[in-house]
C-alpha atoms as a PDB file:
ATOM      1  CA  MET A   1     144.445 202.357 144.230  1.00  0.00           C
ATOM      2  CA  GLU A   2     145.010 199.588 146.734  1.00  0.00           C
ATOM      3  CA  GLN A   3     144.689 195.904 145.755  1.00  0.00           C
ATOM      4  CA  VAL A   4     141.613 195.471 148.004  1.00  0.00           C
ATOM      5  CA  GLU A   5     139.783 198.296 146.211  1.00  0.00           C
ATOM      6  CA  ILE A   6     140.653 196.872 142.789  1.00  0.00           C
ATOM      7  CA  GLU A   7     139.324 193.456 143.788  1.00  0.00           C
ATOM      8  CA  LYS A   8     136.058 194.971 145.058  1.00  0.00           C
ATOM      9  CA  THR A   9     135.643 196.890 141.807  1.00  0.00           C
ATOM     10  CA  ASP A  10     136.377 193.698 139.841  1.00  0.00           C
ATOM     11  CA  MET A  11     133.795 191.798 141.905  1.00  0.00           C
ATOM     12  CA  ASP A  12     131.219 194.528 141.234  1.00  0.00           C
ATOM     13  CA  ILE A  13     131.935 194.256 137.517  1.00  0.00           C
ATOM     14  CA  VAL A  14     131.712 190.453 137.665  1.00  0.00           C
ATOM     15  CA  ALA A  15     128.357 190.770 139.460  1.00  0.00           C
ATOM     16  CA  ASN A  16     127.112 193.069 136.691  1.00  0.00           C
ATOM     17  CA  ILE A  17     128.382 190.715 133.976  1.00  0.00           C
ATOM     18  CA  GLU A  18     126.591 187.785 135.662  1.00  0.00           C
ATOM     19  CA  LYS A  19     123.389 189.824 135.854  1.00  0.00           C
ATOM     20  CA  ASP A  20     123.641 190.902 132.208  1.00  0.00           C
ATOM     21  CA  LEU A  21     124.295 187.324 131.084  1.00  0.00           C
ATOM     22  CA  ARG A  22     121.293 186.108 133.087  1.00  0.00           C
ATOM     23  CA  TYR A  23     119.054 188.747 131.514  1.00  0.00           C
ATOM     24  CA  ILE A  24     120.435 188.053 128.030  1.00  0.00           C
ATOM     25  CA  ALA A  25     119.827 184.307 128.508  1.00  0.00           C
ATOM     26  CA  GLY A  26     116.233 185.059 129.542  1.00  0.00           C
ATOM     27  CA  ILE A  27     115.647 187.250 126.485  1.00  0.00           C
ATOM     28  CA  ILE A  28     117.152 184.618 124.188  1.00  0.00           C
ATOM     29  CA  LYS A  29     114.964 181.938 125.774  1.00  0.00           C
ATOM     30  CA  GLN A  30     111.823 184.073 125.348  1.00  0.00           C
ATOM     31  CA  LYS A  31     112.678 185.012 121.767  1.00  0.00           C
ATOM     32  CA  GLY A  32     113.396 181.358 121.011  1.00  0.00           C
ATOM     33  CA  ARG A  33     109.957 180.387 122.302  1.00  0.00           C
ATOM     34  CA  GLU A  34     108.363 183.076 120.139  1.00  0.00           C
ATOM     35  CA  LEU A  35     110.171 181.727 117.071  1.00  0.00           C
ATOM     36  CA  LEU A  36     109.082 178.172 117.893  1.00  0.00           C
ATOM     37  CA  SER A  37     105.423 179.214 118.053  1.00  0.00           C
ATOM     38  CA  ASP A  38     105.375 178.980 114.235  1.00  0.00           C
ATOM     39  CA  TYR A  39     106.238 175.276 114.490  1.00  0.00           C
ATOM     40  CA  THR A  40     104.622 172.217 116.037  1.00  0.00           C
ATOM     41  CA  ILE A  41     107.522 171.463 118.372  1.00  0.00           C
ATOM     42  CA  THR A  42     108.169 172.314 122.001  1.00  0.00           C
ATOM     43  CA  PRO A  43     111.305 174.040 123.329  1.00  0.00           C
ATOM     44  CA  PRO A  44     112.683 170.738 124.755  1.00  0.00           C
ATOM     45  CA  GLN A  45     112.128 169.065 121.381  1.00  0.00           C
ATOM     46  CA  PHE A  46     114.011 171.897 119.696  1.00  0.00           C
ATOM     47  CA  ILE A  47     116.915 171.476 122.120  1.00  0.00           C
ATOM     48  CA  ALA A  48     117.003 167.735 121.396  1.00  0.00           C
ATOM     49  CA  LEU A  49     116.935 168.392 117.647  1.00  0.00           C
ATOM     50  CA  GLN A  50     119.792 170.884 118.045  1.00  0.00           C
ATOM     51  CA  TRP A  51     121.957 168.315 119.858  1.00  0.00           C
ATOM     52  CA  LEU A  52     121.267 165.736 117.140  1.00  0.00           C
ATOM     53  CA  PHE A  53     121.962 168.320 114.433  1.00  0.00           C
ATOM     54  CA  GLU A  54     125.273 169.376 115.998  1.00  0.00           C
ATOM     55  CA  ASP A  55     126.566 166.043 117.346  1.00  0.00           C
ATOM     56  CA  GLY A  56     124.891 163.483 115.082  1.00  0.00           C
ATOM     57  CA  ASP A  57     123.110 160.274 116.069  1.00  0.00           C
ATOM     58  CA  MET A  58     123.142 159.386 119.757  1.00  0.00           C
ATOM     59  CA  THR A  59     121.509 157.052 122.223  1.00  0.00           C
ATOM     60  CA  ILE A  60     118.685 158.051 124.572  1.00  0.00           C
ATOM     61  CA  GLY A  61     121.221 157.983 127.432  1.00  0.00           C
ATOM     62  CA  GLU A  62     123.626 160.310 125.618  1.00  0.00           C
ATOM     63  CA  LEU A  63     120.825 162.722 124.704  1.00  0.00           C
ATOM     64  CA  SER A  64     119.491 162.587 128.281  1.00  0.00           C
ATOM     65  CA  SER A  65     122.912 163.549 129.628  1.00  0.00           C
ATOM     66  CA  LYS A  66     123.268 166.474 127.251  1.00  0.00           C
ATOM     67  CA  MET A  67     119.784 167.766 128.109  1.00  0.00           C
ATOM     68  CA  TYR A  68     120.035 167.050 131.847  1.00  0.00           C
ATOM     69  CA  LEU A  69     116.831 164.985 131.716  1.00  0.00           C
ATOM     70  CA  ALA A  70     115.891 161.575 133.038  1.00  0.00           C
ATOM     71  CA  CYS A  71     116.061 158.808 130.431  1.00  0.00           C
ATOM     72  CA  SER A  72     112.311 158.213 130.806  1.00  0.00           C
ATOM     73  CA  THR A  73     111.595 161.883 130.031  1.00  0.00           C
ATOM     74  CA  THR A  74     113.900 161.784 127.006  1.00  0.00           C
ATOM     75  CA  THR A  75     112.230 158.573 125.804  1.00  0.00           C
ATOM     76  CA  ASP A  76     108.824 160.308 125.893  1.00  0.00           C
ATOM     77  CA  LEU A  77     110.300 163.301 124.081  1.00  0.00           C
ATOM     78  CA  VAL A  78     111.791 161.086 121.356  1.00  0.00           C
ATOM     79  CA  ASP A  79     108.500 159.148 121.049  1.00  0.00           C
ATOM     80  CA  ARG A  80     106.648 162.390 120.266  1.00  0.00           C
ATOM     81  CA  MET A  81     109.357 163.550 117.836  1.00  0.00           C
ATOM     82  CA  GLU A  82     109.292 160.171 116.096  1.00  0.00           C
ATOM     83  CA  LYS A  83     105.499 160.419 115.649  1.00  0.00           C
ATOM     84  CA  SER A  84     106.043 163.840 114.043  1.00  0.00           C
ATOM     85  CA  SER A  85     108.651 162.377 111.659  1.00  0.00           C
ATOM     86  CA  LEU A  86     111.430 164.572 113.083  1.00  0.00           C
ATOM     87  CA  VAL A  87     113.644 161.675 114.209  1.00  0.00           C
ATOM     88  CA  MET A  88     113.777 157.913 113.953  1.00  0.00           C
ATOM     89  CA  ARG A  89     115.304 155.175 116.034  1.00  0.00           C
ATOM     90  CA  VAL A  90     117.939 153.131 114.246  1.00  0.00           C
ATOM     91  CA  ARG A  91     119.889 150.090 115.385  1.00  0.00           C
ATOM     92  CA  ASP A  92     123.645 150.552 115.586  1.00  0.00           C
ATOM     93  CA  PRO A  93     125.158 148.337 112.853  1.00  0.00           C
ATOM     94  CA  LYS A  94     128.144 147.553 115.099  1.00  0.00           C
ATOM     95  CA  ASP A  95     125.994 146.502 118.075  1.00  0.00           C
ATOM     96  CA  ARG A  96     122.366 145.607 117.381  1.00  0.00           C
ATOM     97  CA  ARG A  97     121.516 146.056 121.085  1.00  0.00           C
ATOM     98  CA  VAL A  98     122.222 149.788 120.795  1.00  0.00           C
ATOM     99  CA  VAL A  99     119.513 152.085 119.435  1.00  0.00           C
ATOM    100  CA  ARG A 100     120.475 155.530 118.203  1.00  0.00           C
ATOM    101  CA  ILE A 101     118.266 158.527 117.545  1.00  0.00           C
ATOM    102  CA  HIS A 102     118.676 159.821 113.992  1.00  0.00           C
ATOM    103  CA  LEU A 103     117.612 163.290 112.829  1.00  0.00           C
ATOM    104  CA  LEU A 104     115.295 163.168 109.817  1.00  0.00           C
ATOM    105  CA  GLU A 105     114.962 165.711 107.012  1.00  0.00           C
ATOM    106  CA  GLU A 106     111.945 167.464 108.607  1.00  0.00           C
ATOM    107  CA  GLY A 107     113.809 167.900 111.896  1.00  0.00           C
ATOM    108  CA  GLU A 108     116.809 169.268 110.048  1.00  0.00           C
ATOM    109  CA  ARG A 109     114.595 171.677 108.083  1.00  0.00           C
ATOM    110  CA  ILE A 110     113.077 173.064 111.288  1.00  0.00           C
ATOM    111  CA  ILE A 111     116.508 173.502 112.889  1.00  0.00           C
ATOM    112  CA  ASP A 112     117.814 175.302 109.780  1.00  0.00           C
ATOM    113  CA  GLU A 113     114.825 177.664 109.662  1.00  0.00           C
ATOM    114  CA  VAL A 114     114.792 178.491 113.374  1.00  0.00           C
ATOM    115  CA  ILE A 115     118.557 179.052 113.559  1.00  0.00           C
ATOM    116  CA  LYS A 116     118.330 181.306 110.501  1.00  0.00           C
ATOM    117  CA  LYS A 117     115.607 183.352 112.243  1.00  0.00           C
ATOM    118  CA  ARG A 118     117.683 183.512 115.444  1.00  0.00           C
ATOM    119  CA  ARG A 119     120.668 184.803 113.477  1.00  0.00           C
ATOM    120  CA  GLU A 120     118.494 187.417 111.772  1.00  0.00           C
ATOM    121  CA  TYR A 121     117.249 188.542 115.192  1.00  0.00           C
ATOM    122  CA  LEU A 122     120.804 188.817 116.532  1.00  0.00           C
ATOM    123  CA  HIS A 123     121.954 190.619 113.376  1.00  0.00           C
ATOM    124  CA  ASP A 124     119.148 193.136 113.834  1.00  0.00           C
ATOM    125  CA  THR A 125     120.015 193.511 117.541  1.00  0.00           C
ATOM    126  CA  LEU A 126     123.646 194.275 116.689  1.00  0.00           C
ATOM    127  CA  LYS A 127     122.821 196.954 114.096  1.00  0.00           C
ATOM    128  CA  ASN A 128     124.024 199.767 116.407  1.00  0.00           C
ATOM    129  CA  PHE A 129     127.366 198.039 117.041  1.00  0.00           C
ATOM    130  CA  SER A 130     130.408 198.896 114.932  1.00  0.00           C
ATOM    131  CA  SER A 131     132.237 196.122 113.081  1.00  0.00           C
ATOM    132  CA  GLU A 132     135.042 196.411 115.631  1.00  0.00           C
ATOM    133  CA  GLU A 133     132.613 196.117 118.573  1.00  0.00           C
ATOM    134  CA  ILE A 134     131.109 192.993 116.989  1.00  0.00           C
ATOM    135  CA  ARG A 135     134.581 191.451 116.497  1.00  0.00           C
ATOM    136  CA  VAL A 136     135.564 192.233 120.111  1.00  0.00           C
ATOM    137  CA  LEU A 137     132.264 190.836 121.388  1.00  0.00           C
ATOM    138  CA  HIS A 138     132.811 187.667 119.371  1.00  0.00           C
ATOM    139  CA  THR A 139     136.365 187.252 120.640  1.00  0.00           C
ATOM    140  CA  ASN A 140     135.336 187.759 124.258  1.00  0.00           C
ATOM    141  CA  MET A 141     132.271 185.504 124.010  1.00  0.00           C
ATOM    142  CA  THR A 142     134.402 182.749 122.455  1.00  0.00           C
ATOM    143  CA  LYS A 143     137.000 183.100 125.204  1.00  0.00           C
ATOM    144  CA  LEU A 144     134.325 183.054 127.934  1.00  0.00           C
ATOM    145  CA  HIS A 145     132.708 179.971 126.383  1.00  0.00           C
ATOM    146  CA  GLN A 146     136.049 178.141 126.240  1.00  0.00           C
ATOM    147  CA  GLU A 147     136.851 179.023 129.851  1.00  0.00           C
ATOM    148  CA  MET A 148     133.447 177.812 131.009  1.00  0.00           C
ATOM    149  CA  ARG A 149     133.727 174.528 129.089  1.00  0.00           C
ATOM    150  CA  GLU A 150     137.104 173.829 130.705  1.00  0.00           C
ATOM    151  CA  LYS A 151     135.769 174.209 134.252  1.00  0.00           C
END
């Protein structure tokens, strides 16, 4: 097979991978919304709670950057989460001018429960995969994630 034909085949495969990833992302997003319907939080609030859970306390500006939202939008989001006792604003002991958002026990509980349900859903989805297929999928997903983070 000539190099040109191989490249076209590769591009067709890449197009199919992109399409599959887009569809998978849509299904995950929809399933995530279904899981959140049992809770009194919105999808953006869940995303904010996840960032705080994974990365620890952060400023409104840092959280805004991670969520690709305007600071004013993030401030409103944090206000609502604070009223629901999911987070609280705390002054940075090293610099009293800096206010950090801190995840409270209720926010952590919700994150734990929802992530557990997401994992159960994925486990159920993978029931027709062999152990080897799951290991290969994990390896390839990890590699893809690393490549994407580096670019």
